[in-house]
Amino acid sequence: MEALKSYFKDEGGMGTVEIILIIVVLVGLVMLFRDQITDIVNSLFEKITDRTEKF
């Protein structure tokens, strides 16, 4: 019985679970805002390309 109580009180794997949940949320947000992120990145690369062509 004591081993069972010890097992449920052990929080050693909680850090891993928290990291996995954060990754899942981030992936979900990226999928949700994929078009907006793509537009922003493309716009930034166009500005970089335009400015480097001037040299």
PDB file of N, CA and C in Angstrom:
ATOM      1  N   MET A   1       0.825  -1.194   0.000  1.00  0.00           N
ATOM      2  CA  MET A   1       0.000   0.000   0.000  1.00  0.00           C
ATOM      3  C   MET A   1       0.867   1.255   0.000  1.00  0.00           C
ATOM      4  N   GLU A   2       1.964   1.202   0.746  1.00  0.00           N
ATOM      5  CA  GLU A   2       2.868   2.357   0.822  1.00  0.00           C
ATOM      6  C   GLU A   2       3.523   2.628  -0.536  1.00  0.00           C
ATOM      7  N   ALA A   3       3.819   1.565  -1.266  1.00  0.00           N
ATOM      8  CA  ALA A   3       4.422   1.729  -2.589  1.00  0.00           C
ATOM      9  C   ALA A   3       3.453   2.418  -3.540  1.00  0.00           C
ATOM     10  N   LEU A   4       2.170   2.111  -3.429  1.00  0.00           N
ATOM     11  CA  LEU A   4       1.158   2.739  -4.273  1.00  0.00           C
ATOM     12  C   LEU A   4       1.041   4.226  -3.962  1.00  0.00           C
ATOM     13  N   LYS A   5       1.057   4.575  -2.688  1.00  0.00           N
ATOM     14  CA  LYS A   5       1.007   5.991  -2.297  1.00  0.00           C
ATOM     15  C   LYS A   5       2.238   6.726  -2.820  1.00  0.00           C
ATOM     16  N   SER A   6       3.383   6.082  -2.710  1.00  0.00           N
ATOM     17  CA  SER A   6       4.626   6.680  -3.187  1.00  0.00           C
ATOM     18  C   SER A   6       4.575   6.897  -4.697  1.00  0.00           C
ATOM     19  N   TYR A   7       3.990   5.939  -5.415  1.00  0.00           N
ATOM     20  CA  TYR A   7       3.884   6.044  -6.871  1.00  0.00           C
ATOM     21  C   TYR A   7       3.048   7.247  -7.275  1.00  0.00           C
ATOM     22  N   PHE A   8       1.923   7.479  -6.601  1.00  0.00           N
ATOM     23  CA  PHE A   8       1.044   8.582  -6.962  1.00  0.00           C
ATOM     24  C   PHE A   8       1.590   9.938  -6.523  1.00  0.00           C
ATOM     25  N   LYS A   9       2.474   9.954  -5.532  1.00  0.00           N
ATOM     26  CA  LYS A   9       3.071  11.211  -5.086  1.00  0.00           C
ATOM     27  C   LYS A   9       4.296  11.589  -5.910  1.00  0.00           C
ATOM     28  N   ASP A  10       4.841  10.645  -6.669  1.00  0.00           N
ATOM     29  CA  ASP A  10       6.032  10.905  -7.474  1.00  0.00           C
ATOM     30  C   ASP A  10       5.685  11.864  -8.604  1.00  0.00           C
ATOM     31  N   GLU A  11       6.398  12.980  -8.680  1.00  0.00           N
ATOM     32  CA  GLU A  11       6.147  13.982  -9.713  1.00  0.00           C
ATOM     33  C   GLU A  11       7.323  14.094 -10.674  1.00  0.00           C
ATOM     34  N   GLY A  12       8.125  13.055 -10.761  1.00  0.00           N
ATOM     35  CA  GLY A  12       9.314  13.088 -11.597  1.00  0.00           C
ATOM     36  C   GLY A  12       9.019  13.279 -13.075  1.00  0.00           C
ATOM     37  N   GLY A  13       7.953  12.716 -13.569  1.00  0.00           N
ATOM     38  CA  GLY A  13       7.616  12.826 -14.981  1.00  0.00           C
ATOM     39  C   GLY A  13       6.768  14.023 -15.334  1.00  0.00           C
ATOM     40  N   MET A  14       6.436  14.845 -14.366  1.00  0.00           N
ATOM     41  CA  MET A  14       5.566  15.989 -14.629  1.00  0.00           C
ATOM     42  C   MET A  14       6.220  16.991 -15.574  1.00  0.00           C
ATOM     43  N   GLY A  15       7.520  17.173 -15.480  1.00  0.00           N
ATOM     44  CA  GLY A  15       8.201  18.103 -16.377  1.00  0.00           C
ATOM     45  C   GLY A  15       8.055  17.683 -17.823  1.00  0.00           C
ATOM     46  N   THR A  16       8.156  16.398 -18.078  1.00  0.00           N
ATOM     47  CA  THR A  16       8.010  15.874 -19.429  1.00  0.00           C
ATOM     48  C   THR A  16       6.602  16.105 -19.953  1.00  0.00           C
ATOM     49  N   VAL A  17       5.617  15.851 -19.123  1.00  0.00           N
ATOM     50  CA  VAL A  17       4.222  16.051 -19.528  1.00  0.00           C
ATOM     51  C   VAL A  17       3.972  17.517 -19.836  1.00  0.00           C
ATOM     52  N   GLU A  18       4.505  18.406 -19.016  1.00  0.00           N
ATOM     53  CA  GLU A  18       4.305  19.836 -19.247  1.00  0.00           C
ATOM     54  C   GLU A  18       4.943  20.273 -20.561  1.00  0.00           C
ATOM     55  N   ILE A  19       6.135  19.778 -20.844  1.00  0.00           N
ATOM     56  CA  ILE A  19       6.807  20.139 -22.094  1.00  0.00           C
ATOM     57  C   ILE A  19       6.026  19.624 -23.291  1.00  0.00           C
ATOM     58  N   ILE A  20       5.521  18.402 -23.207  1.00  0.00           N
ATOM     59  CA  ILE A  20       4.731  17.836 -24.307  1.00  0.00           C
ATOM     60  C   ILE A  20       3.465  18.653 -24.526  1.00  0.00           C
ATOM     61  N   LEU A  21       2.800  19.066 -23.456  1.00  0.00           N
ATOM     62  CA  LEU A  21       1.597  19.885 -23.599  1.00  0.00           C
ATOM     63  C   LEU A  21       1.909  21.232 -24.233  1.00  0.00           C
ATOM     64  N   ILE A  22       3.014  21.841 -23.855  1.00  0.00           N
ATOM     65  CA  ILE A  22       3.404  23.119 -24.456  1.00  0.00           C
ATOM     66  C   ILE A  22       3.674  22.947 -25.943  1.00  0.00           C
ATOM     67  N   ILE A  23       4.357  21.871 -26.311  1.00  0.00           N
ATOM     68  CA  ILE A  23       4.636  21.608 -27.725  1.00  0.00           C
ATOM     69  C   ILE A  23       3.345  21.397 -28.500  1.00  0.00           C
ATOM     70  N   VAL A  24       2.407  20.667 -27.921  1.00  0.00           N
ATOM     71  CA  VAL A  24       1.123  20.417 -28.589  1.00  0.00           C
ATOM     72  C   VAL A  24       0.378  21.731 -28.810  1.00  0.00           C
ATOM     73  N   VAL A  25       0.378  22.602 -27.813  1.00  0.00           N
ATOM     74  CA  VAL A  25      -0.299  23.898 -27.946  1.00  0.00           C
ATOM     75  C   VAL A  25       0.382  24.742 -29.021  1.00  0.00           C
ATOM     76  N   LEU A  26       1.716  24.767 -29.033  1.00  0.00           N
ATOM     77  CA  LEU A  26       2.434  25.548 -30.040  1.00  0.00           C
ATOM     78  C   LEU A  26       2.169  25.032 -31.452  1.00  0.00           C
ATOM     79  N   VAL A  27       2.171  23.720 -31.618  1.00  0.00           N
ATOM     80  CA  VAL A  27       1.884  23.144 -32.939  1.00  0.00           C
ATOM     81  C   VAL A  27       0.461  23.496 -33.362  1.00  0.00           C
ATOM     82  N   GLY A  28      -0.478  23.442 -32.431  1.00  0.00           N
ATOM     83  CA  GLY A  28      -1.856  23.812 -32.740  1.00  0.00           C
ATOM     84  C   GLY A  28      -1.974  25.261 -33.169  1.00  0.00           C
ATOM     85  N   LEU A  29      -1.261  26.154 -32.481  1.00  0.00           N
ATOM     86  CA  LEU A  29      -1.297  27.570 -32.848  1.00  0.00           C
ATOM     87  C   LEU A  29      -0.679  27.810 -34.218  1.00  0.00           C
ATOM     88  N   VAL A  30       0.411  27.120 -34.502  1.00  0.00           N
ATOM     89  CA  VAL A  30       1.042  27.262 -35.816  1.00  0.00           C
ATOM     90  C   VAL A  30       0.097  26.780 -36.906  1.00  0.00           C
ATOM     91  N   MET A  31      -0.583  25.676 -36.668  1.00  0.00           N
ATOM     92  CA  MET A  31      -1.529  25.169 -37.665  1.00  0.00           C
ATOM     93  C   MET A  31      -2.707  26.119 -37.839  1.00  0.00           C
ATOM     94  N   LEU A  32      -3.145  26.725 -36.750  1.00  0.00           N
ATOM     95  CA  LEU A  32      -4.281  27.636 -36.798  1.00  0.00           C
ATOM     96  C   LEU A  32      -3.943  28.917 -37.554  1.00  0.00           C
ATOM     97  N   PHE A  33      -2.740  29.437 -37.333  1.00  0.00           N
ATOM     98  CA  PHE A  33      -2.342  30.702 -37.945  1.00  0.00           C
ATOM     99  C   PHE A  33      -1.318  30.508 -39.061  1.00  0.00           C
ATOM    100  N   ARG A  34      -1.351  29.363 -39.705  1.00  0.00           N
ATOM    101  CA  ARG A  34      -0.380  29.021 -40.738  1.00  0.00           C
ATOM    102  C   ARG A  34      -0.350  30.044 -41.871  1.00  0.00           C
ATOM    103  N   ASP A  35      -1.504  30.455 -42.362  1.00  0.00           N
ATOM    104  CA  ASP A  35      -1.546  31.399 -43.480  1.00  0.00           C
ATOM    105  C   ASP A  35      -0.972  32.754 -43.090  1.00  0.00           C
ATOM    106  N   GLN A  36      -1.327  33.238 -41.909  1.00  0.00           N
ATOM    107  CA  GLN A  36      -0.821  34.530 -41.462  1.00  0.00           C
ATOM    108  C   GLN A  36       0.692  34.485 -41.256  1.00  0.00           C
ATOM    109  N   ILE A  37       1.183  33.396 -40.689  1.00  0.00           N
ATOM    110  CA  ILE A  37       2.628  33.255 -40.468  1.00  0.00           C
ATOM    111  C   ILE A  37       3.359  33.210 -41.810  1.00  0.00           C
ATOM    112  N   THR A  38       2.806  32.490 -42.770  1.00  0.00           N
ATOM    113  CA  THR A  38       3.414  32.406 -44.098  1.00  0.00           C
ATOM    114  C   THR A  38       3.469  33.773 -44.754  1.00  0.00           C
ATOM    115  N   ASP A  39       2.387  34.547 -44.655  1.00  0.00           N
ATOM    116  CA  ASP A  39       2.366  35.890 -45.233  1.00  0.00           C
ATOM    117  C   ASP A  39       3.424  36.791 -44.601  1.00  0.00           C
ATOM    118  N   ILE A  40       3.555  36.727 -43.296  1.00  0.00           N
ATOM    119  CA  ILE A  40       4.541  37.561 -42.596  1.00  0.00           C
ATOM    120  C   ILE A  40       5.958  37.181 -43.009  1.00  0.00           C
ATOM    121  N   VAL A  41       6.245  35.886 -43.052  1.00  0.00           N
ATOM    122  CA  VAL A  41       7.591  35.429 -43.418  1.00  0.00           C
ATOM    123  C   VAL A  41       7.901  35.799 -44.862  1.00  0.00           C
ATOM    124  N   ASN A  42       6.947  35.613 -45.758  1.00  0.00           N
ATOM    125  CA  ASN A  42       7.167  35.984 -47.161  1.00  0.00           C
ATOM    126  C   ASN A  42       7.415  37.479 -47.297  1.00  0.00           C
ATOM    127  N   SER A  43       6.662  38.277 -46.570  1.00  0.00           N
ATOM    128  CA  SER A  43       6.845  39.727 -46.604  1.00  0.00           C
ATOM    129  C   SER A  43       8.235  40.113 -46.119  1.00  0.00           C
ATOM    130  N   LEU A  44       8.685  39.491 -45.048  1.00  0.00           N
ATOM    131  CA  LEU A  44      10.021  39.787 -44.533  1.00  0.00           C
ATOM    132  C   LEU A  44      11.102  39.412 -45.541  1.00  0.00           C
ATOM    133  N   PHE A  45      10.972  38.255 -46.169  1.00  0.00           N
ATOM    134  CA  PHE A  45      11.976  37.840 -47.145  1.00  0.00           C
ATOM    135  C   PHE A  45      11.963  38.738 -48.377  1.00  0.00           C
ATOM    136  N   GLU A  46      10.785  39.219 -48.785  1.00  0.00           N
ATOM    137  CA  GLU A  46      10.718  40.150 -49.911  1.00  0.00           C
ATOM    138  C   GLU A  46      11.441  41.451 -49.571  1.00  0.00           C
ATOM    139  N   LYS A  47      11.248  41.946 -48.352  1.00  0.00           N
ATOM    140  CA  LYS A  47      11.936  43.174 -47.935  1.00  0.00           C
ATOM    141  C   LYS A  47      13.441  42.966 -47.899  1.00  0.00           C
ATOM    142  N   ILE A  48      13.870  41.818 -47.388  1.00  0.00           N
ATOM    143  CA  ILE A  48      15.305  41.522 -47.336  1.00  0.00           C
ATOM    144  C   ILE A  48      15.875  41.444 -48.748  1.00  0.00           C
ATOM    145  N   THR A  49      15.161  40.777 -49.641  1.00  0.00           N
ATOM    146  CA  THR A  49      15.618  40.643 -51.022  1.00  0.00           C
ATOM    147  C   THR A  49      15.699  41.999 -51.698  1.00  0.00           C
ATOM    148  N   ASP A  50      14.687  42.833 -51.514  1.00  0.00           N
ATOM    149  CA  ASP A  50      14.684  44.163 -52.122  1.00  0.00           C
ATOM    150  C   ASP A  50      15.855  44.999 -51.622  1.00  0.00           C
ATOM    151  N   ARG A  51      16.131  44.938 -50.345  1.00  0.00           N
ATOM    152  CA  ARG A  51      17.204  45.757 -49.774  1.00  0.00           C
ATOM    153  C   ARG A  51      18.583  45.236 -50.165  1.00  0.00           C
ATOM    154  N   THR A  52      18.721  43.926 -50.319  1.00  0.00           N
ATOM    155  CA  THR A  52      20.033  43.397 -50.703  1.00  0.00           C
ATOM    156  C   THR A  52      20.309  43.605 -52.188  1.00  0.00           C
ATOM    157  N   GLU A  53      19.278  43.714 -53.011  1.00  0.00           N
ATOM    158  CA  GLU A  53      19.475  43.961 -54.438  1.00  0.00           C
ATOM    159  C   GLU A  53      19.976  45.376 -54.688  1.00  0.00           C
ATOM    160  N   LYS A  54      19.729  46.286 -53.759  1.00  0.00           N
ATOM    161  CA  LYS A  54      20.168  47.673 -53.916  1.00  0.00           C
ATOM    162  C   LYS A  54      21.677  47.807 -53.776  1.00  0.00           C
ATOM    163  N   PHE A  55      22.335  46.835 -53.142  1.00  0.00           N
ATOM    164  CA  PHE A  55      23.787  46.907 -52.977  1.00  0.00           C
ATOM    165  C   PHE A  55      24.408  46.540 -54.257  1.00  0.00           C
TER     166      PHE A  55
END
